[in-house]
Structure formats: C-alpha cells, structure tokens
Amino acid sequence: MPSDQSFPAFTCDDVRRIQAPMLLVKGENSPVFLRTILDKLHACVPTSTEIEIPAASHGVQFENPQAFNDALLQFLAHVEKALQ
C-alpha cells in the first residue's frame, strides 16, 4: 500500500466477492461524495438493492428511523423469502 493511502484499494472485484445479499442505503440529503460511492458500489453489484430514505442525510437510521426500519424489514423479508 502506498504511504499516501490510509486504506488499501477496494475494487469492484473485491465487492463482487461478497456473497451476502446487499442493501445499500442513502439518505435523500446525503452528501454527494457518499451518494457517488454508493452508486459505484451498486454499479459493481447490480444484484444489490439500493434505497433512498426521504428526509435524511448520512445518519438515516437516526434522522428518519421509521422509514429506515420499514425499508430494512422489507429487504430482510425479501431475502428470507428468496432463501425458502
């Protein structure tokens, strides 16, 4: 790892090795750089599920907990059904 990087590079190939169902969550008001990262992750793993929580920024689970919980429970129900 080059000395100017604090973390090793994380590539699309790295993300594709994740075998678990993937829920990518962004807030309606999330900073652009975080939305960009999430969009790139979703492009790397098109089978992932991407959702946007209204009236929330980066702390979606704190800023709109009801919408976050509803979305998470819906995702988990979908995953559970797919595994049966």
C-alpha atoms as a PDB file:
ATOM      1  CA  MET A   1       0.000   0.000   0.000  1.00  0.00           C
ATOM      2  CA  PRO A   2       1.465   3.392  -0.953  1.00  0.00           C
ATOM      3  CA  SER A   3       2.278   5.612   2.012  1.00  0.00           C
ATOM      4  CA  ASP A   4      -0.212   8.287   0.833  1.00  0.00           C
ATOM      5  CA  GLN A   5      -3.184   5.903   1.250  1.00  0.00           C
ATOM      6  CA  SER A   6      -4.624   5.191   4.661  1.00  0.00           C
ATOM      7  CA  PHE A   7      -6.629   2.188   3.410  1.00  0.00           C
ATOM      8  CA  PRO A   8      -5.873  -0.403   0.729  1.00  0.00           C
ATOM      9  CA  ALA A   9      -7.695  -0.021  -2.575  1.00  0.00           C
ATOM     10  CA  PHE A  10     -11.159  -1.600  -2.634  1.00  0.00           C
ATOM     11  CA  THR A  11     -12.179  -2.594  -6.151  1.00  0.00           C
ATOM     12  CA  CYS A  12     -15.333  -3.818  -7.871  1.00  0.00           C
ATOM     13  CA  ASP A  13     -13.776  -7.287  -7.879  1.00  0.00           C
ATOM     14  CA  ASP A  14     -13.467  -7.083  -4.086  1.00  0.00           C
ATOM     15  CA  VAL A  15     -17.125  -6.089  -3.732  1.00  0.00           C
ATOM     16  CA  ARG A  16     -18.299  -8.835  -6.091  1.00  0.00           C
ATOM     17  CA  ARG A  17     -16.774 -11.455  -3.773  1.00  0.00           C
ATOM     18  CA  ILE A  18     -19.337 -10.586  -1.101  1.00  0.00           C
ATOM     19  CA  GLN A  19     -21.878 -13.401  -1.209  1.00  0.00           C
ATOM     20  CA  ALA A  20     -24.461 -11.980   1.189  1.00  0.00           C
ATOM     21  CA  PRO A  21     -27.496 -10.030  -0.002  1.00  0.00           C
ATOM     22  CA  MET A  22     -26.535  -6.373  -0.073  1.00  0.00           C
ATOM     23  CA  LEU A  23     -28.690  -3.400   0.927  1.00  0.00           C
ATOM     24  CA  LEU A  24     -27.210  -0.027   0.028  1.00  0.00           C
ATOM     25  CA  VAL A  25     -28.850   2.825   1.919  1.00  0.00           C
ATOM     26  CA  LYS A  26     -28.533   6.522   1.209  1.00  0.00           C
ATOM     27  CA  GLY A  27     -30.411   9.497   2.510  1.00  0.00           C
ATOM     28  CA  GLU A  28     -32.267  11.932   0.308  1.00  0.00           C
ATOM     29  CA  ASN A  29     -29.873  14.615   1.571  1.00  0.00           C
ATOM     30  CA  SER A  30     -26.699  12.524   1.812  1.00  0.00           C
ATOM     31  CA  PRO A  31     -23.526  14.343   0.767  1.00  0.00           C
ATOM     32  CA  VAL A  32     -22.673  13.977  -2.921  1.00  0.00           C
ATOM     33  CA  PHE A  33     -19.447  12.072  -2.291  1.00  0.00           C
ATOM     34  CA  LEU A  34     -21.291   9.417  -0.239  1.00  0.00           C
ATOM     35  CA  ARG A  35     -24.013   9.087  -2.885  1.00  0.00           C
ATOM     36  CA  THR A  36     -21.288   8.659  -5.501  1.00  0.00           C
ATOM     37  CA  ILE A  37     -19.633   5.861  -3.525  1.00  0.00           C
ATOM     38  CA  LEU A  38     -22.965   4.102  -3.079  1.00  0.00           C
ATOM     39  CA  ASP A  39     -23.816   4.443  -6.767  1.00  0.00           C
ATOM     40  CA  LYS A  40     -20.440   2.948  -7.704  1.00  0.00           C
ATOM     41  CA  LEU A  41     -20.981   0.036  -5.320  1.00  0.00           C
ATOM     42  CA  HIS A  42     -24.399  -0.577  -6.865  1.00  0.00           C
ATOM     43  CA  ALA A  43     -22.860  -0.500 -10.351  1.00  0.00           C
ATOM     44  CA  CYS A  44     -20.308  -3.104  -9.232  1.00  0.00           C
ATOM     45  CA  VAL A  45     -23.012  -5.360  -7.799  1.00  0.00           C
ATOM     46  CA  PRO A  46     -26.198  -4.848  -9.811  1.00  0.00           C
ATOM     47  CA  THR A  47     -27.940  -7.545  -7.740  1.00  0.00           C
ATOM     48  CA  SER A  48     -27.646  -5.298  -4.698  1.00  0.00           C
ATOM     49  CA  THR A  49     -30.673  -3.369  -3.530  1.00  0.00           C
ATOM     50  CA  GLU A  50     -30.292   0.403  -3.388  1.00  0.00           C
ATOM     51  CA  ILE A  51     -32.753   2.542  -1.445  1.00  0.00           C
ATOM     52  CA  GLU A  52     -33.066   6.209  -0.601  1.00  0.00           C
ATOM     53  CA  ILE A  53     -34.515   7.293   2.722  1.00  0.00           C
ATOM     54  CA  PRO A  54     -36.510  10.552   2.490  1.00  0.00           C
ATOM     55  CA  ALA A  55     -35.831  13.476   4.811  1.00  0.00           C
ATOM     56  CA  ALA A  56     -32.459  12.085   5.875  1.00  0.00           C
ATOM     57  CA  SER A  57     -28.770  12.673   5.308  1.00  0.00           C
ATOM     58  CA  HIS A  58     -25.913  10.313   6.199  1.00  0.00           C
ATOM     59  CA  GLY A  59     -27.425   9.259   9.548  1.00  0.00           C
ATOM     60  CA  VAL A  60     -30.565   7.778   8.021  1.00  0.00           C
ATOM     61  CA  GLN A  61     -31.283   5.440  10.935  1.00  0.00           C
ATOM     62  CA  PHE A  62     -31.331   8.425  13.320  1.00  0.00           C
ATOM     63  CA  GLU A  63     -32.840  11.081  11.060  1.00  0.00           C
ATOM     64  CA  ASN A  64     -35.747   9.019   9.733  1.00  0.00           C
ATOM     65  CA  PRO A  65     -35.827   5.832  11.808  1.00  0.00           C
ATOM     66  CA  GLN A  66     -39.323   4.774  10.761  1.00  0.00           C
ATOM     67  CA  ALA A  67     -38.532   4.881   7.037  1.00  0.00           C
ATOM     68  CA  PHE A  68     -35.188   3.184   7.646  1.00  0.00           C
ATOM     69  CA  ASN A  69     -36.728   0.401   9.746  1.00  0.00           C
ATOM     70  CA  ASP A  70     -39.540  -0.128   7.228  1.00  0.00           C
ATOM     71  CA  ALA A  71     -37.044  -0.387   4.351  1.00  0.00           C
ATOM     72  CA  LEU A  72     -34.756  -2.715   6.286  1.00  0.00           C
ATOM     73  CA  LEU A  73     -37.602  -5.011   7.329  1.00  0.00           C
ATOM     74  CA  GLN A  74     -38.889  -5.113   3.754  1.00  0.00           C
ATOM     75  CA  PHE A  75     -35.405  -6.036   2.492  1.00  0.00           C
ATOM     76  CA  LEU A  76     -34.994  -8.756   5.142  1.00  0.00           C
ATOM     77  CA  ALA A  77     -38.431 -10.202   4.324  1.00  0.00           C
ATOM     78  CA  HIS A  78     -37.459 -10.308   0.642  1.00  0.00           C
ATOM     79  CA  VAL A  79     -34.186 -12.063   1.468  1.00  0.00           C
ATOM     80  CA  GLU A  80     -35.919 -14.545   3.766  1.00  0.00           C
ATOM     81  CA  LYS A  81     -38.495 -15.361   1.074  1.00  0.00           C
ATOM     82  CA  ALA A  82     -35.741 -15.850  -1.523  1.00  0.00           C
ATOM     83  CA  LEU A  83     -33.954 -18.316   0.785  1.00  0.00           C
ATOM     84  CA  GLN A  84     -37.021 -20.537   1.254  1.00  0.00           C
END
